[in-house]
C-alpha atoms as a PDB file:
ATOM      1  CA  MET A   1      58.042   2.746  33.685  1.00  0.00           C
ATOM      2  CA  ALA A   2      61.712   3.514  34.299  1.00  0.00           C
ATOM      3  CA  LEU A   3      62.711   0.457  32.268  1.00  0.00           C
ATOM      4  CA  LEU A   4      60.533   1.591  29.380  1.00  0.00           C
ATOM      5  CA  THR A   5      62.197   5.004  29.460  1.00  0.00           C
ATOM      6  CA  VAL A   6      65.659   3.456  29.531  1.00  0.00           C
ATOM      7  CA  GLU A   7      64.879   1.166  26.599  1.00  0.00           C
ATOM      8  CA  ARG A   8      63.424   4.073  24.623  1.00  0.00           C
ATOM      9  CA  ILE A   9      66.582   6.114  25.189  1.00  0.00           C
ATOM     10  CA  LYS A  10      68.788   3.165  24.229  1.00  0.00           C
ATOM     11  CA  LEU A  11      66.805   2.552  21.056  1.00  0.00           C
ATOM     12  CA  PHE A  12      66.906   6.118  19.826  1.00  0.00           C
ATOM     13  CA  SER A  13      70.521   6.757  20.813  1.00  0.00           C
ATOM     14  CA  THR A  14      71.725   4.991  17.661  1.00  0.00           C
ATOM     15  CA  ARG A  15      71.155   5.829  14.021  1.00  0.00           C
ATOM     16  CA  SER A  16      69.942   2.445  12.799  1.00  0.00           C
ATOM     17  CA  PRO A  17      66.334   2.755  14.076  1.00  0.00           C
ATOM     18  CA  TRP A  18      65.981   6.156  12.408  1.00  0.00           C
ATOM     19  CA  TRP A  19      67.315   4.822   9.104  1.00  0.00           C
ATOM     20  CA  CYS A  20      65.117   1.739   9.327  1.00  0.00           C
ATOM     21  CA  MET A  21      61.975   3.760  10.006  1.00  0.00           C
ATOM     22  CA  LEU A  22      62.748   6.148   7.158  1.00  0.00           C
ATOM     23  CA  SER A  23      63.516   3.273   4.805  1.00  0.00           C
ATOM     24  CA  ALA A  24      60.297   1.464   5.725  1.00  0.00           C
ATOM     25  CA  VAL A  25      58.174   4.503   4.927  1.00  0.00           C
ATOM     26  CA  VAL A  26      60.037   5.528   1.776  1.00  0.00           C
ATOM     27  CA  LEU A  27      60.139   2.022   0.281  1.00  0.00           C
ATOM     28  CA  SER A  28      56.499   1.238   0.966  1.00  0.00           C
ATOM     29  CA  VAL A  29      55.020   4.585   0.010  1.00  0.00           C
ATOM     30  CA  GLY A  30      57.376   4.988  -2.954  1.00  0.00           C
ATOM     31  CA  PHE A  31      56.469   1.596  -4.404  1.00  0.00           C
ATOM     32  CA  THR A  32      52.783   2.346  -3.881  1.00  0.00           C
ATOM     33  CA  ALA A  33      53.136   5.636  -5.730  1.00  0.00           C
ATOM     34  CA  LEU A  34      54.861   3.942  -8.684  1.00  0.00           C
ATOM     35  CA  PHE A  35      52.310   1.152  -8.754  1.00  0.00           C
ATOM     36  CA  VAL A  36      49.320   3.467  -8.635  1.00  0.00           C
ATOM     37  CA  ALA A  37      50.786   5.858 -11.197  1.00  0.00           C
ATOM     38  CA  GLU A  38      51.285   3.041 -13.699  1.00  0.00           C
ATOM     39  CA  THR A  39      47.969   1.343 -13.055  1.00  0.00           C
ATOM     40  CA  GLY A  40      45.763   1.534 -16.102  1.00  0.00           C
ATOM     41  CA  ALA A  41      42.491  -0.109 -16.941  1.00  0.00           C
ATOM     42  CA  VAL A  42      43.878  -3.594 -16.347  1.00  0.00           C
ATOM     43  CA  LEU A  43      43.612  -3.412 -12.562  1.00  0.00           C
ATOM     44  CA  GLN A  44      40.945  -1.499 -10.702  1.00  0.00           C
ATOM     45  CA  LEU A  45      42.310   0.401  -7.732  1.00  0.00           C
ATOM     46  CA  THR A  46      40.761  -0.467  -4.397  1.00  0.00           C
ATOM     47  CA  VAL A  47      41.611   0.304  -0.791  1.00  0.00           C
ATOM     48  CA  SER A  48      43.299  -3.091  -0.483  1.00  0.00           C
ATOM     49  CA  THR A  49      45.574  -2.504  -3.483  1.00  0.00           C
ATOM     50  CA  THR A  50      46.935   0.655  -1.856  1.00  0.00           C
ATOM     51  CA  GLN A  51      48.531  -1.623   0.754  1.00  0.00           C
ATOM     52  CA  LEU A  52      50.376  -3.883  -1.681  1.00  0.00           C
ATOM     53  CA  ALA A  53      53.788  -2.622  -0.544  1.00  0.00           C
ATOM     54  CA  HIS A  54      53.306  -2.989   3.205  1.00  0.00           C
ATOM     55  CA  ASN A  55      55.621  -6.028   3.239  1.00  0.00           C
ATOM     56  CA  PHE A  56      58.588  -3.860   2.201  1.00  0.00           C
ATOM     57  CA  GLY A  57      58.233  -1.821   5.365  1.00  0.00           C
ATOM     58  CA  LEU A  58      57.435  -4.868   7.481  1.00  0.00           C
ATOM     59  CA  MET A  59      60.712  -6.549   6.551  1.00  0.00           C
ATOM     60  CA  VAL A  60      62.702  -3.401   7.351  1.00  0.00           C
ATOM     61  CA  ILE A  61      60.956  -2.937  10.704  1.00  0.00           C
ATOM     62  CA  MET A  62      61.577  -6.565  11.628  1.00  0.00           C
ATOM     63  CA  VAL A  63      65.252  -6.061  10.832  1.00  0.00           C
ATOM     64  CA  MET A  64      65.198  -2.998  13.093  1.00  0.00           C
ATOM     65  CA  ALA A  65      63.640  -5.048  15.888  1.00  0.00           C
ATOM     66  CA  ALA A  66      66.232  -7.792  15.511  1.00  0.00           C
ATOM     67  CA  LEU A  67      69.024  -5.201  15.580  1.00  0.00           C
ATOM     68  CA  ALA A  68      67.610  -3.739  18.807  1.00  0.00           C
ATOM     69  CA  ILE A  69      68.558  -6.911  20.668  1.00  0.00           C
ATOM     70  CA  THR A  70      71.410  -8.465  18.666  1.00  0.00           C
ATOM     71  CA  THR A  71      73.535  -5.308  18.732  1.00  0.00           C
ATOM     72  CA  GLU A  72      73.375  -5.343  22.524  1.00  0.00           C
ATOM     73  CA  TYR A  73      74.903  -8.810  22.534  1.00  0.00           C
ATOM     74  CA  ARG A  74      77.392  -7.816  19.848  1.00  0.00           C
ATOM     75  CA  PHE A  75      78.770  -4.826  21.771  1.00  0.00           C
ATOM     76  CA  GLY A  76      78.292  -6.309  25.237  1.00  0.00           C
ATOM     77  CA  THR A  77      75.919  -3.609  26.524  1.00  0.00           C
ATOM     78  CA  ILE A  78      73.428  -6.287  27.518  1.00  0.00           C
ATOM     79  CA  LYS A  79      75.827  -7.370  30.295  1.00  0.00           C
ATOM     80  CA  ALA A  80      75.774  -3.925  31.883  1.00  0.00           C
ATOM     81  CA  THR A  81      71.982  -3.854  31.579  1.00  0.00           C
ATOM     82  CA  PHE A  82      71.554  -7.204  33.327  1.00  0.00           C
ATOM     83  CA  GLN A  83      74.002  -6.172  36.050  1.00  0.00           C
ATOM     84  CA  ALA A  84      72.002  -3.008  36.693  1.00  0.00           C
ATOM     85  CA  VAL A  85      68.659  -4.839  36.533  1.00  0.00           C
ATOM     86  CA  PRO A  86      69.027  -8.516  37.513  1.00  0.00           C
ATOM     87  CA  ASP A  87      65.444  -9.252  36.439  1.00  0.00           C
ATOM     88  CA  ARG A  88      66.237 -10.141  32.835  1.00  0.00           C
ATOM     89  CA  THR A  89      62.633 -10.891  31.958  1.00  0.00           C
ATOM     90  CA  ALA A  90      61.518  -7.384  32.934  1.00  0.00           C
ATOM     91  CA  VAL A  91      64.295  -5.848  30.837  1.00  0.00           C
ATOM     92  CA  LEU A  92      63.504  -7.893  27.747  1.00  0.00           C
ATOM     93  CA  VAL A  93      59.750  -7.387  28.046  1.00  0.00           C
ATOM     94  CA  SER A  94      60.294  -3.631  28.344  1.00  0.00           C
ATOM     95  CA  LYS A  95      62.481  -3.624  25.256  1.00  0.00           C
ATOM     96  CA  THR A  96      59.842  -5.622  23.377  1.00  0.00           C
ATOM     97  CA  VAL A  97      57.067  -3.219  24.383  1.00  0.00           C
ATOM     98  CA  VAL A  98      59.045  -0.178  23.246  1.00  0.00           C
ATOM     99  CA  VAL A  99      60.097  -1.690  19.905  1.00  0.00           C
ATOM    100  CA  ALA A 100      56.637  -3.136  19.189  1.00  0.00           C
ATOM    101  CA  ALA A 101      54.936   0.187  19.957  1.00  0.00           C
ATOM    102  CA  LEU A 102      57.324   2.006  17.643  1.00  0.00           C
ATOM    103  CA  ALA A 103      56.783  -0.609  14.932  1.00  0.00           C
ATOM    104  CA  GLY A 104      53.031  -0.191  15.241  1.00  0.00           C
ATOM    105  CA  VAL A 105      53.275   3.577  14.803  1.00  0.00           C
ATOM    106  CA  VAL A 106      55.482   3.177  11.728  1.00  0.00           C
ATOM    107  CA  GLY A 107      53.021   0.652  10.336  1.00  0.00           C
ATOM    108  CA  GLU A 108      50.149   3.102  10.643  1.00  0.00           C
ATOM    109  CA  ILE A 109      52.207   5.821   8.988  1.00  0.00           C
ATOM    110  CA  VAL A 110      53.071   3.484   6.111  1.00  0.00           C
ATOM    111  CA  ALA A 111      49.468   2.361   5.688  1.00  0.00           C
ATOM    112  CA  PHE A 112      47.762   5.736   5.722  1.00  0.00           C
ATOM    113  CA  ALA A 113      50.548   7.439   3.766  1.00  0.00           C
ATOM    114  CA  SER A 114      50.264   4.776   1.051  1.00  0.00           C
ATOM    115  CA  TRP A 115      46.502   5.204   0.955  1.00  0.00           C
ATOM    116  CA  GLY A 116      46.830   9.003   0.872  1.00  0.00           C
ATOM    117  CA  VAL A 117      49.379   8.942  -1.953  1.00  0.00           C
ATOM    118  CA  ALA A 118      47.103   6.685  -3.964  1.00  0.00           C
ATOM    119  CA  ARG A 119      44.213   9.113  -3.531  1.00  0.00           C
ATOM    120  CA  LEU A 120      46.390  12.027  -4.614  1.00  0.00           C
ATOM    121  CA  ILE A 121      47.618  10.264  -7.735  1.00  0.00           C
ATOM    122  CA  LYS A 122      44.235   8.815  -8.715  1.00  0.00           C
ATOM    123  CA  PRO A 123      41.604  11.163  -7.255  1.00  0.00           C
ATOM    124  CA  ASP A 124      38.859   9.613  -9.373  1.00  0.00           C
ATOM    125  CA  ALA A 125      39.375   6.101  -7.985  1.00  0.00           C
ATOM    126  CA  ASP A 126      36.971   4.824  -5.356  1.00  0.00           C
ATOM    127  CA  LEU A 127      39.347   4.703  -2.393  1.00  0.00           C
ATOM    128  CA  ALA A 128      37.047   5.839   0.386  1.00  0.00           C
ATOM    129  CA  ILE A 129      37.393   3.816   3.587  1.00  0.00           C
ATOM    130  CA  THR A 130      33.805   3.006   4.466  1.00  0.00           C
ATOM    131  CA  THR A 131      33.593  -0.624   5.567  1.00  0.00           C
ATOM    132  CA  ALA A 132      35.050  -2.541   8.495  1.00  0.00           C
ATOM    133  CA  ASP A 133      37.071  -4.707   6.093  1.00  0.00           C
ATOM    134  CA  GLN A 134      38.619  -1.624   4.512  1.00  0.00           C
ATOM    135  CA  TRP A 135      39.506  -0.155   7.894  1.00  0.00           C
ATOM    136  CA  ARG A 136      41.095  -3.475   8.889  1.00  0.00           C
ATOM    137  CA  ASN A 137      43.028  -3.571   5.625  1.00  0.00           C
ATOM    138  CA  VAL A 138      44.580  -0.158   6.282  1.00  0.00           C
ATOM    139  CA  ALA A 139      44.671   0.353  10.043  1.00  0.00           C
ATOM    140  CA  GLY A 140      45.525  -3.316  10.594  1.00  0.00           C
ATOM    141  CA  VAL A 141      48.974  -2.813   9.066  1.00  0.00           C
ATOM    142  CA  GLY A 142      50.183  -1.250  12.308  1.00  0.00           C
ATOM    143  CA  LEU A 143      49.099  -4.321  14.266  1.00  0.00           C
ATOM    144  CA  VAL A 144      50.958  -6.616  11.872  1.00  0.00           C
ATOM    145  CA  TYR A 145      54.093  -4.465  12.177  1.00  0.00           C
ATOM    146  CA  ALA A 146      53.908  -4.569  15.987  1.00  0.00           C
ATOM    147  CA  VAL A 147      53.488  -8.351  16.089  1.00  0.00           C
ATOM    148  CA  GLY A 148      56.251  -8.777  13.512  1.00  0.00           C
ATOM    149  CA  ALA A 149      58.585  -6.770  15.744  1.00  0.00           C
ATOM    150  CA  VAL A 150      57.814  -9.059  18.690  1.00  0.00           C
ATOM    151  CA  LEU A 151      58.617 -12.081  16.543  1.00  0.00           C
ATOM    152  CA  ALA A 152      61.886 -10.520  15.348  1.00  0.00           C
ATOM    153  CA  ILE A 153      63.030  -9.780  18.900  1.00  0.00           C
ATOM    154  CA  GLY A 154      62.312 -13.385  19.842  1.00  0.00           C
ATOM    155  CA  VAL A 155      64.411 -14.621  16.931  1.00  0.00           C
ATOM    156  CA  GLY A 156      67.184 -12.184  17.875  1.00  0.00           C
ATOM    157  CA  LEU A 157      67.204 -13.496  21.441  1.00  0.00           C
ATOM    158  CA  LEU A 158      67.516 -17.060  20.220  1.00  0.00           C
ATOM    159  CA  VAL A 159      70.370 -16.595  17.749  1.00  0.00           C
ATOM    160  CA  ARG A 160      72.000 -13.433  19.189  1.00  0.00           C
ATOM    161  CA  GLN A 161      73.849 -12.688  15.951  1.00  0.00           C
ATOM    162  CA  THR A 162      72.594  -9.933  13.664  1.00  0.00           C
ATOM    163  CA  ALA A 163      73.359 -11.665  10.372  1.00  0.00           C
ATOM    164  CA  ALA A 164      71.764 -14.936  11.470  1.00  0.00           C
ATOM    165  CA  ALA A 165      68.657 -13.234  12.846  1.00  0.00           C
ATOM    166  CA  VAL A 166      68.130 -11.087   9.745  1.00  0.00           C
ATOM    167  CA  ALA A 167      68.712 -14.058   7.444  1.00  0.00           C
ATOM    168  CA  ALA A 168      66.249 -16.222   9.347  1.00  0.00           C
ATOM    169  CA  ILE A 169      63.565 -13.535   9.295  1.00  0.00           C
ATOM    170  CA  LEU A 170      63.894 -12.659   5.623  1.00  0.00           C
ATOM    171  CA  VAL A 171      64.358 -16.177   4.279  1.00  0.00           C
ATOM    172  CA  TRP A 172      61.368 -17.534   6.188  1.00  0.00           C
ATOM    173  CA  SER A 173      58.960 -14.695   5.441  1.00  0.00           C
ATOM    174  CA  LEU A 174      59.933 -14.027   1.830  1.00  0.00           C
ATOM    175  CA  LEU A 175      60.906 -17.483   0.560  1.00  0.00           C
ATOM    176  CA  VAL A 176      59.954 -20.424   2.728  1.00  0.00           C
ATOM    177  CA  GLU A 177      56.280 -19.594   3.183  1.00  0.00           C
ATOM    178  CA  SER A 178      55.855 -19.085  -0.561  1.00  0.00           C
ATOM    179  CA  LEU A 179      57.914 -22.081  -1.678  1.00  0.00           C
ATOM    180  CA  ILE A 180      56.075 -24.489   0.604  1.00  0.00           C
ATOM    181  CA  GLY A 181      53.084 -24.041  -1.693  1.00  0.00           C
ATOM    182  CA  LEU A 182      55.011 -25.876  -4.417  1.00  0.00           C
ATOM    183  CA  ILE A 183      54.811 -29.135  -2.480  1.00  0.00           C
ATOM    184  CA  PRO A 184      52.190 -31.272  -4.226  1.00  0.00           C
ATOM    185  CA  THR A 185      48.899 -31.911  -2.444  1.00  0.00           C
ATOM    186  CA  ILE A 186      49.841 -30.726   1.039  1.00  0.00           C
ATOM    187  CA  GLY A 187      51.727 -27.512   0.235  1.00  0.00           C
ATOM    188  CA  VAL A 188      48.673 -25.258   0.176  1.00  0.00           C
ATOM    189  CA  LYS A 189      47.319 -26.926   3.314  1.00  0.00           C
ATOM    190  CA  ILE A 190      50.548 -26.176   5.177  1.00  0.00           C
ATOM    191  CA  GLN A 191      50.567 -22.587   3.931  1.00  0.00           C
ATOM    192  CA  ALA A 192      47.215 -22.005   5.596  1.00  0.00           C
ATOM    193  CA  TRP A 193      48.919 -22.409   8.994  1.00  0.00           C
ATOM    194  CA  LEU A 194      52.093 -20.377   8.409  1.00  0.00           C
ATOM    195  CA  PRO A 195      52.347 -17.154  10.448  1.00  0.00           C
ATOM    196  CA  PHE A 196      53.032 -14.570   7.752  1.00  0.00           C
ATOM    197  CA  ASN A 197      50.341 -16.027   5.530  1.00  0.00           C
ATOM    198  CA  MET A 198      47.994 -15.666   8.486  1.00  0.00           C
ATOM    199  CA  ALA A 199      49.032 -12.014   8.808  1.00  0.00           C
ATOM    200  CA  THR A 200      48.273 -11.460   5.127  1.00  0.00           C
ATOM    201  CA  HIS A 201      44.906 -13.151   5.563  1.00  0.00           C
ATOM    202  CA  PHE A 202      44.144 -10.809   8.453  1.00  0.00           C
ATOM    203  CA  LEU A 203      44.768  -7.778   6.270  1.00  0.00           C
ATOM    204  CA  ASN A 204      43.193  -8.958   3.032  1.00  0.00           C
ATOM    205  CA  GLY A 205      40.564 -11.434   4.152  1.00  0.00           C
ATOM    206  CA  ASP A 206      39.407 -13.442   1.167  1.00  0.00           C
ATOM    207  CA  GLN A 207      40.189 -10.755  -1.395  1.00  0.00           C
ATOM    208  CA  GLY A 208      43.105 -12.785  -2.793  1.00  0.00           C
ATOM    209  CA  ILE A 209      45.296  -9.904  -3.924  1.00  0.00           C
ATOM    210  CA  VAL A 210      49.032 -10.208  -4.481  1.00  0.00           C
ATOM    211  CA  ALA A 211      51.201  -8.694  -1.772  1.00  0.00           C
ATOM    212  CA  SER A 212      54.630  -7.361  -2.620  1.00  0.00           C
ATOM    213  CA  GLY A 213      57.364  -9.839  -1.820  1.00  0.00           C
ATOM    214  CA  GLN A 214      54.883 -12.561  -0.880  1.00  0.00           C
ATOM    215  CA  ALA A 215      52.275 -13.858  -3.290  1.00  0.00           C
ATOM    216  CA  GLN A 216      48.835 -14.430  -1.873  1.00  0.00           C
ATOM    217  CA  VAL A 217      48.358 -17.909  -3.270  1.00  0.00           C
ATOM    218  CA  GLN A 218      44.927 -18.614  -4.663  1.00  0.00           C
ATOM    219  CA  GLY A 219      43.072 -21.574  -3.198  1.00  0.00           C
ATOM    220  CA  ILE A 220      44.370 -21.417   0.378  1.00  0.00           C
ATOM    221  CA  ASP A 221      41.584 -22.484   2.707  1.00  0.00           C
ATOM    222  CA  TYR A 222      42.391 -20.621   5.913  1.00  0.00           C
ATOM    223  CA  PRO A 223      41.079 -22.303   9.075  1.00  0.00           C
ATOM    224  CA  PHE A 224      40.238 -19.004  10.786  1.00  0.00           C
ATOM    225  CA  GLY A 225      38.697 -15.658  10.043  1.00  0.00           C
ATOM    226  CA  PRO A 226      40.805 -12.485   9.765  1.00  0.00           C
ATOM    227  CA  TRP A 227      40.871 -11.497  13.439  1.00  0.00           C
ATOM    228  CA  VAL A 228      41.586 -15.002  14.707  1.00  0.00           C
ATOM    229  CA  SER A 229      44.334 -15.205  12.088  1.00  0.00           C
ATOM    230  CA  LEU A 230      45.921 -12.126  13.692  1.00  0.00           C
ATOM    231  CA  LEU A 231      45.675 -13.792  17.101  1.00  0.00           C
ATOM    232  CA  TYR A 232      47.358 -16.874  15.642  1.00  0.00           C
ATOM    233  CA  PHE A 233      50.181 -14.714  14.239  1.00  0.00           C
ATOM    234  CA  ALA A 234      50.505 -12.990  17.610  1.00  0.00           C
ATOM    235  CA  GLY A 235      50.516 -16.345  19.401  1.00  0.00           C
ATOM    236  CA  VAL A 236      53.408 -17.573  17.288  1.00  0.00           C
ATOM    237  CA  ALA A 237      55.313 -14.328  17.908  1.00  0.00           C
ATOM    238  CA  VAL A 238      54.747 -14.469  21.679  1.00  0.00           C
ATOM    239  CA  ALA A 239      55.738 -18.141  21.782  1.00  0.00           C
ATOM    240  CA  VAL A 240      59.040 -17.394  20.035  1.00  0.00           C
ATOM    241  CA  LEU A 241      59.612 -14.427  22.360  1.00  0.00           C
ATOM    242  CA  VAL A 242      58.934 -16.523  25.470  1.00  0.00           C
ATOM    243  CA  VAL A 243      61.396 -19.185  24.323  1.00  0.00           C
ATOM    244  CA  GLY A 244      63.926 -16.415  23.640  1.00  0.00           C
ATOM    245  CA  ILE A 245      63.449 -14.891  27.101  1.00  0.00           C
ATOM    246  CA  VAL A 246      63.760 -18.281  28.790  1.00  0.00           C
ATOM    247  CA  THR A 247      66.936 -18.899  26.816  1.00  0.00           C
ATOM    248  CA  ALA A 248      68.311 -15.491  27.804  1.00  0.00           C
ATOM    249  CA  ASN A 249      67.683 -16.287  31.484  1.00  0.00           C
ATOM    250  CA  VAL A 250      69.609 -19.544  31.426  1.00  0.00           C
ATOM    251  CA  ARG A 251      72.495 -18.568  29.133  1.00  0.00           C
ATOM    252  CA  ASP A 252      75.375 -16.249  29.889  1.00  0.00           C
ATOM    253  CA  ALA A 253      74.903 -12.725  28.547  1.00  0.00           C
END
């Protein structure tokens, strides 16, 4: 518990997490408001379409998570931490828990704020959350944010440099997973196993909507249902984190 408290204090003692959280909410909710306000008869508003902008916030929160670990290596504070607590695994797990919990809270704020703004702008639209799929589509955003933060910390532990970690996260999630679909014959099959596509499948199921920053490609035959897809995404994130922790234990701080 003491380690969790220490990591919470360290996280909130700098301005970057506050700016990242604010940016995640403003970008996601702001884009949703613009989208809903300009939606005419062409596209019918649903609960799922209120979450189109969740990827904006997800990318910002993953950057925040990467910064939480890479800045410690950049400024050398990780050395003092490991000297005070020789059990590096406990330190890094505590940091991951704190950052992931914060990411999950921000994700829920983004999701329900986006849904609420949509209801305010279009009060006549049928945006009531009544089914399990609709609850998963909205409340599930927080889970995706939390898992994404775990993945980002793992990447940060592996590369240790802020620019490299941020580049790897953004390029993979925003470009690589979409561009792989351009490969003839096997591209769509590969996409069905990529982690961020799995996260999108968890949120949207088989609704096939287009998510901001990452197109939900039509025709992807996912091997799992929504909840197992989330477990797959979480498994990838935990695997990367474990490799990062093992690396941190064998390399000099």
